[in-house]
């Protein structure tokens, strides 16, 4: 999976088995809003940093089904 690291200002590649899913929910006037996110830790030149990516529900479900 490819992420964009703001810390390193470049695209980084992370193996799919190191990617975790995260669902955030917030209450709005019109009801609940769900945000589907993939996150991982990427290392560039020996410096580690967290990377996040907002995805569609279909992509999120595909990663969540892996375990």
PDB file of N, CA and C in Angstrom:
ATOM      1  N   UNK A   1       0.857  -1.167   0.000  1.00  0.00           N
ATOM      2  CA  UNK A   1       0.000   0.000   0.000  1.00  0.00           C
ATOM      3  C   UNK A   1       0.901   1.228   0.000  1.00  0.00           C
ATOM      4  N   UNK A   2       0.529   2.216  -0.754  1.00  0.00           N
ATOM      5  CA  UNK A   2       1.314   3.432  -0.851  1.00  0.00           C
ATOM      6  C   UNK A   2       0.636   4.553  -0.062  1.00  0.00           C
ATOM      7  N   UNK A   3       1.413   5.239   0.755  1.00  0.00           N
ATOM      8  CA  UNK A   3       0.952   6.364   1.557  1.00  0.00           C
ATOM      9  C   UNK A   3       1.793   7.579   1.208  1.00  0.00           C
ATOM     10  N   UNK A   4       1.297   8.762   1.563  1.00  0.00           N
ATOM     11  CA  UNK A   4       2.102   9.966   1.452  1.00  0.00           C
ATOM     12  C   UNK A   4       2.472  10.394   2.864  1.00  0.00           C
ATOM     13  N   UNK A   5       3.762  10.469   3.157  1.00  0.00           N
ATOM     14  CA  UNK A   5       4.240  10.849   4.470  1.00  0.00           C
ATOM     15  C   UNK A   5       4.455  12.359   4.520  1.00  0.00           C
ATOM     16  N   UNK A   6       3.688  13.028   5.373  1.00  0.00           N
ATOM     17  CA  UNK A   6       3.867  14.475   5.524  1.00  0.00           C
ATOM     18  C   UNK A   6       5.195  14.803   6.182  1.00  0.00           C
ATOM     19  N   UNK A   7       5.638  13.948   7.086  1.00  0.00           N
ATOM     20  CA  UNK A   7       6.903  14.173   7.784  1.00  0.00           C
ATOM     21  C   UNK A   7       8.079  14.114   6.813  1.00  0.00           C
ATOM     22  N   UNK A   8       8.042  13.143   5.893  1.00  0.00           N
ATOM     23  CA  UNK A   8       9.149  12.955   4.958  1.00  0.00           C
ATOM     24  C   UNK A   8       8.913  13.639   3.615  1.00  0.00           C
ATOM     25  N   UNK A   9       7.676  14.130   3.404  1.00  0.00           N
ATOM     26  CA  UNK A   9       7.283  14.808   2.168  1.00  0.00           C
ATOM     27  C   UNK A   9       7.564  13.982   0.926  1.00  0.00           C
ATOM     28  N   UNK A  10       7.161  12.716   0.997  1.00  0.00           N
ATOM     29  CA  UNK A  10       7.297  11.839  -0.152  1.00  0.00           C
ATOM     30  C   UNK A  10       6.375  10.638   0.002  1.00  0.00           C
ATOM     31  N   UNK A  11       6.145   9.947  -1.101  1.00  0.00           N
ATOM     32  CA  UNK A  11       5.345   8.732  -1.042  1.00  0.00           C
ATOM     33  C   UNK A  11       6.198   7.613  -0.484  1.00  0.00           C
ATOM     34  N   UNK A  12       5.590   6.804   0.375  1.00  0.00           N
ATOM     35  CA  UNK A  12       6.284   5.657   0.957  1.00  0.00           C
ATOM     36  C   UNK A  12       5.432   4.412   0.745  1.00  0.00           C
ATOM     37  N   UNK A  13       6.087   3.307   0.568  1.00  0.00           N
ATOM     38  CA  UNK A  13       5.408   2.041   0.365  1.00  0.00           C
ATOM     39  C   UNK A  13       5.483   1.221   1.645  1.00  0.00           C
ATOM     40  N   UNK A  14       4.338   0.669   2.064  1.00  0.00           N
ATOM     41  CA  UNK A  14       4.248  -0.124   3.282  1.00  0.00           C
ATOM     42  C   UNK A  14       3.634  -1.471   2.916  1.00  0.00           C
ATOM     43  N   UNK A  15       4.219  -2.576   3.376  1.00  0.00           N
ATOM     44  CA  UNK A  15       3.614  -3.890   3.092  1.00  0.00           C
ATOM     45  C   UNK A  15       2.191  -3.968   3.633  1.00  0.00           C
ATOM     46  N   UNK A  16       1.313  -4.631   2.894  1.00  0.00           N
ATOM     47  CA  UNK A  16      -0.097  -4.712   3.277  1.00  0.00           C
ATOM     48  C   UNK A  16      -0.312  -5.362   4.637  1.00  0.00           C
ATOM     49  N   UNK A  17       0.580  -6.260   5.050  1.00  0.00           N
ATOM     50  CA  UNK A  17       0.384  -6.925   6.338  1.00  0.00           C
ATOM     51  C   UNK A  17       0.712  -6.017   7.528  1.00  0.00           C
ATOM     52  N   UNK A  18       1.301  -4.850   7.300  1.00  0.00           N
ATOM     53  CA  UNK A  18       1.604  -3.900   8.370  1.00  0.00           C
ATOM     54  C   UNK A  18       0.576  -2.768   8.468  1.00  0.00           C
ATOM     55  N   UNK A  19      -0.427  -2.806   7.596  1.00  0.00           N
ATOM     56  CA  UNK A  19      -1.446  -1.764   7.570  1.00  0.00           C
ATOM     57  C   UNK A  19      -2.578  -2.144   8.516  1.00  0.00           C
ATOM     58  N   UNK A  20      -2.992  -1.183   9.354  1.00  0.00           N
ATOM     59  CA  UNK A  20      -4.097  -1.406  10.299  1.00  0.00           C
ATOM     60  C   UNK A  20      -5.289  -0.553   9.872  1.00  0.00           C
ATOM     61  N   UNK A  21      -6.480  -0.983  10.259  1.00  0.00           N
ATOM     62  CA  UNK A  21      -7.689  -0.222   9.963  1.00  0.00           C
ATOM     63  C   UNK A  21      -8.120   0.554  11.202  1.00  0.00           C
ATOM     64  N   UNK A  22      -8.779   1.681  10.952  1.00  0.00           N
ATOM     65  CA  UNK A  22      -9.280   2.495  12.058  1.00  0.00           C
ATOM     66  C   UNK A  22     -10.556   3.195  11.602  1.00  0.00           C
ATOM     67  N   UNK A  23     -11.601   3.062  12.389  1.00  0.00           N
ATOM     68  CA  UNK A  23     -12.883   3.685  12.090  1.00  0.00           C
ATOM     69  C   UNK A  23     -13.146   4.770  13.116  1.00  0.00           C
ATOM     70  N   UNK A  24     -13.404   5.977  12.656  1.00  0.00           N
ATOM     71  CA  UNK A  24     -13.744   7.060  13.570  1.00  0.00           C
ATOM     72  C   UNK A  24     -15.180   7.488  13.280  1.00  0.00           C
ATOM     73  N   UNK A  25     -15.893   7.829  14.335  1.00  0.00           N
ATOM     74  CA  UNK A  25     -17.286   8.237  14.213  1.00  0.00           C
ATOM     75  C   UNK A  25     -17.480   9.532  14.986  1.00  0.00           C
ATOM     76  N   UNK A  26     -18.236  10.434  14.383  1.00  0.00           N
ATOM     77  CA  UNK A  26     -18.554  11.661  15.103  1.00  0.00           C
ATOM     78  C   UNK A  26     -20.013  12.005  14.868  1.00  0.00           C
ATOM     79  N   UNK A  27     -20.566  12.712  15.809  1.00  0.00           N
ATOM     80  CA  UNK A  27     -21.974  13.099  15.748  1.00  0.00           C
ATOM     81  C   UNK A  27     -22.099  14.462  15.089  1.00  0.00           C
ATOM     82  N   UNK A  28     -22.939  14.562  14.070  1.00  0.00           N
ATOM     83  CA  UNK A  28     -23.220  15.833  13.411  1.00  0.00           C
ATOM     84  C   UNK A  28     -24.705  16.157  13.587  1.00  0.00           C
ATOM     85  N   UNK A  29     -25.121  17.288  13.113  1.00  0.00           N
ATOM     86  CA  UNK A  29     -26.541  17.645  13.207  1.00  0.00           C
ATOM     87  C   UNK A  29     -27.423  16.668  12.447  1.00  0.00           C
ATOM     88  N   UNK A  30     -26.899  16.127  11.350  1.00  0.00           N
ATOM     89  CA  UNK A  30     -27.677  15.236  10.494  1.00  0.00           C
ATOM     90  C   UNK A  30     -27.519  13.769  10.854  1.00  0.00           C
ATOM     91  N   UNK A  31     -26.804  13.449  11.909  1.00  0.00           N
ATOM     92  CA  UNK A  31     -26.594  12.064  12.314  1.00  0.00           C
ATOM     93  C   UNK A  31     -25.116  11.769  12.484  1.00  0.00           C
ATOM     94  N   UNK A  32     -24.783  10.497  12.471  1.00  0.00           N
ATOM     95  CA  UNK A  32     -23.385  10.100  12.642  1.00  0.00           C
ATOM     96  C   UNK A  32     -22.643  10.128  11.317  1.00  0.00           C
ATOM     97  N   UNK A  33     -21.363  10.503  11.397  1.00  0.00           N
ATOM     98  CA  UNK A  33     -20.482  10.484  10.231  1.00  0.00           C
ATOM     99  C   UNK A  33     -19.358   9.500  10.516  1.00  0.00           C
ATOM    100  N   UNK A  34     -19.123   8.579   9.601  1.00  0.00           N
ATOM    101  CA  UNK A  34     -18.069   7.579   9.755  1.00  0.00           C
ATOM    102  C   UNK A  34     -16.929   7.916   8.795  1.00  0.00           C
ATOM    103  N   UNK A  35     -15.691   7.839   9.296  1.00  0.00           N
ATOM    104  CA  UNK A  35     -14.497   8.038   8.470  1.00  0.00           C
ATOM    105  C   UNK A  35     -13.693   6.747   8.513  1.00  0.00           C
ATOM    106  N   UNK A  36     -13.345   6.240   7.359  1.00  0.00           N
ATOM    107  CA  UNK A  36     -12.613   4.984   7.239  1.00  0.00           C
ATOM    108  C   UNK A  36     -11.159   5.307   6.938  1.00  0.00           C
ATOM    109  N   UNK A  37     -10.242   4.783   7.769  1.00  0.00           N
ATOM    110  CA  UNK A  37      -8.839   5.156   7.687  1.00  0.00           C
ATOM    111  C   UNK A  37      -7.949   3.920   7.731  1.00  0.00           C
ATOM    112  N   UNK A  38      -6.864   3.973   6.969  1.00  0.00           N
ATOM    113  CA  UNK A  38      -5.798   2.979   7.062  1.00  0.00           C
ATOM    114  C   UNK A  38      -4.597   3.690   7.648  1.00  0.00           C
ATOM    115  N   UNK A  39      -3.871   3.014   8.534  1.00  0.00           N
ATOM    116  CA  UNK A  39      -2.696   3.635   9.139  1.00  0.00           C
ATOM    117  C   UNK A  39      -1.578   2.608   9.269  1.00  0.00           C
ATOM    118  N   UNK A  40      -0.355   3.132   9.288  1.00  0.00           N
ATOM    119  CA  UNK A  40       0.829   2.283   9.395  1.00  0.00           C
ATOM    120  C   UNK A  40       1.991   3.137   9.886  1.00  0.00           C
ATOM    121  N   UNK A  41       3.114   2.473  10.147  1.00  0.00           N
ATOM    122  CA  UNK A  41       4.350   3.169  10.514  1.00  0.00           C
ATOM    123  C   UNK A  41       5.331   2.958   9.363  1.00  0.00           C
ATOM    124  N   UNK A  42       5.820   4.051   8.806  1.00  0.00           N
ATOM    125  CA  UNK A  42       6.754   3.986   7.687  1.00  0.00           C
ATOM    126  C   UNK A  42       8.114   4.498   8.141  1.00  0.00           C
ATOM    127  N   UNK A  43       9.167   3.839   7.671  1.00  0.00           N
ATOM    128  CA  UNK A  43      10.528   4.244   7.993  1.00  0.00           C
ATOM    129  C   UNK A  43      11.224   4.711   6.716  1.00  0.00           C
ATOM    130  N   UNK A  44      11.712   5.947   6.751  1.00  0.00           N
ATOM    131  CA  UNK A  44      12.453   6.514   5.622  1.00  0.00           C
ATOM    132  C   UNK A  44      13.778   7.013   6.157  1.00  0.00           C
ATOM    133  N   UNK A  45      14.876   6.512   5.611  1.00  0.00           N
ATOM    134  CA  UNK A  45      16.233   6.899   6.021  1.00  0.00           C
ATOM    135  C   UNK A  45      16.444   6.721   7.523  1.00  0.00           C
ATOM    136  N   UNK A  46      15.857   5.669   8.089  1.00  0.00           N
ATOM    137  CA  UNK A  46      16.033   5.370   9.499  1.00  0.00           C
ATOM    138  C   UNK A  46      15.141   6.153  10.442  1.00  0.00           C
ATOM    139  N   UNK A  47      14.276   6.989   9.913  1.00  0.00           N
ATOM    140  CA  UNK A  47      13.378   7.789  10.738  1.00  0.00           C
ATOM    141  C   UNK A  47      11.956   7.273  10.538  1.00  0.00           C
ATOM    142  N   UNK A  48      11.333   6.822  11.635  1.00  0.00           N
ATOM    143  CA  UNK A  48       9.982   6.278  11.553  1.00  0.00           C
ATOM    144  C   UNK A  48       8.949   7.377  11.742  1.00  0.00           C
ATOM    145  N   UNK A  49       7.815   7.202  11.094  1.00  0.00           N
ATOM    146  CA  UNK A  49       6.714   8.150  11.237  1.00  0.00           C
ATOM    147  C   UNK A  49       5.401   7.478  10.891  1.00  0.00           C
ATOM    148  N   UNK A  50       4.339   7.895  11.567  1.00  0.00           N
ATOM    149  CA  UNK A  50       3.016   7.354  11.289  1.00  0.00           C
ATOM    150  C   UNK A  50       2.469   7.953  10.002  1.00  0.00           C
ATOM    151  N   UNK A  51       1.786   7.132   9.236  1.00  0.00           N
ATOM    152  CA  UNK A  51       1.128   7.593   8.017  1.00  0.00           C
ATOM    153  C   UNK A  51      -0.326   7.138   8.069  1.00  0.00           C
ATOM    154  N   UNK A  52      -1.215   7.973   7.544  1.00  0.00           N
ATOM    155  CA  UNK A  52      -2.647   7.709   7.545  1.00  0.00           C
ATOM    156  C   UNK A  52      -3.177   7.952   6.141  1.00  0.00           C
ATOM    157  N   UNK A  53      -4.268   7.237   5.827  1.00  0.00           N
ATOM    158  CA  UNK A  53      -4.889   7.408   4.527  1.00  0.00           C
ATOM    159  C   UNK A  53      -6.383   7.177   4.684  1.00  0.00           C
ATOM    160  N   UNK A  54      -7.201   8.152   4.265  1.00  0.00           N
ATOM    161  CA  UNK A  54      -8.639   7.979   4.274  1.00  0.00           C
ATOM    162  C   UNK A  54      -9.038   7.219   3.014  1.00  0.00           C
ATOM    163  N   UNK A  55      -9.889   6.213   3.185  1.00  0.00           N
ATOM    164  CA  UNK A  55     -10.284   5.349   2.065  1.00  0.00           C
ATOM    165  C   UNK A  55     -11.795   5.170   2.062  1.00  0.00           C
ATOM    166  N   UNK A  56     -12.280   4.540   1.007  1.00  0.00           N
ATOM    167  CA  UNK A  56     -13.706   4.244   0.905  1.00  0.00           C
ATOM    168  C   UNK A  56     -14.063   3.058   1.805  1.00  0.00           C
ATOM    169  N   UNK A  57     -15.346   2.871   2.030  1.00  0.00           N
ATOM    170  CA  UNK A  57     -15.810   1.773   2.869  1.00  0.00           C
ATOM    171  C   UNK A  57     -15.432   0.424   2.255  1.00  0.00           C
ATOM    172  N   UNK A  58     -15.450   0.323   0.936  1.00  0.00           N
ATOM    173  CA  UNK A  58     -15.118  -0.928   0.258  1.00  0.00           C
ATOM    174  C   UNK A  58     -13.656  -1.317   0.494  1.00  0.00           C
ATOM    175  N   UNK A  59     -12.745  -0.368   0.370  1.00  0.00           N
ATOM    176  CA  UNK A  59     -11.322  -0.635   0.611  1.00  0.00           C
ATOM    177  C   UNK A  59     -11.096  -0.973   2.080  1.00  0.00           C
ATOM    178  N   UNK A  60     -11.757  -0.230   2.971  1.00  0.00           N
ATOM    179  CA  UNK A  60     -11.652  -0.472   4.406  1.00  0.00           C
ATOM    180  C   UNK A  60     -12.115  -1.900   4.742  1.00  0.00           C
ATOM    181  N   UNK A  61     -13.259  -2.301   4.201  1.00  0.00           N
ATOM    182  CA  UNK A  61     -13.786  -3.648   4.463  1.00  0.00           C
ATOM    183  C   UNK A  61     -12.862  -4.728   3.931  1.00  0.00           C
ATOM    184  N   UNK A  62     -12.222  -4.487   2.797  1.00  0.00           N
ATOM    185  CA  UNK A  62     -11.297  -5.468   2.230  1.00  0.00           C
ATOM    186  C   UNK A  62     -10.088  -5.670   3.161  1.00  0.00           C
ATOM    187  N   UNK A  63      -9.561  -4.589   3.730  1.00  0.00           N
ATOM    188  CA  UNK A  63      -8.437  -4.721   4.662  1.00  0.00           C
ATOM    189  C   UNK A  63      -8.879  -5.307   5.993  1.00  0.00           C
ATOM    190  N   UNK A  64     -10.068  -4.950   6.449  1.00  0.00           N
ATOM    191  CA  UNK A  64     -10.572  -5.471   7.722  1.00  0.00           C
ATOM    192  C   UNK A  64     -10.855  -6.964   7.643  1.00  0.00           C
ATOM    193  N   UNK A  65     -11.239  -7.452   6.476  1.00  0.00           N
ATOM    194  CA  UNK A  65     -11.553  -8.870   6.307  1.00  0.00           C
ATOM    195  C   UNK A  65     -10.301  -9.751   6.363  1.00  0.00           C
ATOM    196  N   UNK A  66      -9.140  -9.153   6.122  1.00  0.00           N
ATOM    197  CA  UNK A  66      -7.893  -9.923   6.156  1.00  0.00           C
ATOM    198  C   UNK A  66      -7.530 -10.371   7.564  1.00  0.00           C
ATOM    199  N   UNK A  67      -8.001  -9.649   8.535  1.00  0.00           N
ATOM    200  CA  UNK A  67      -7.710 -10.061   9.912  1.00  0.00           C
ATOM    201  C   UNK A  67      -7.074  -8.994  10.632  1.00  0.00           C
TER     202      UNK A  67
END
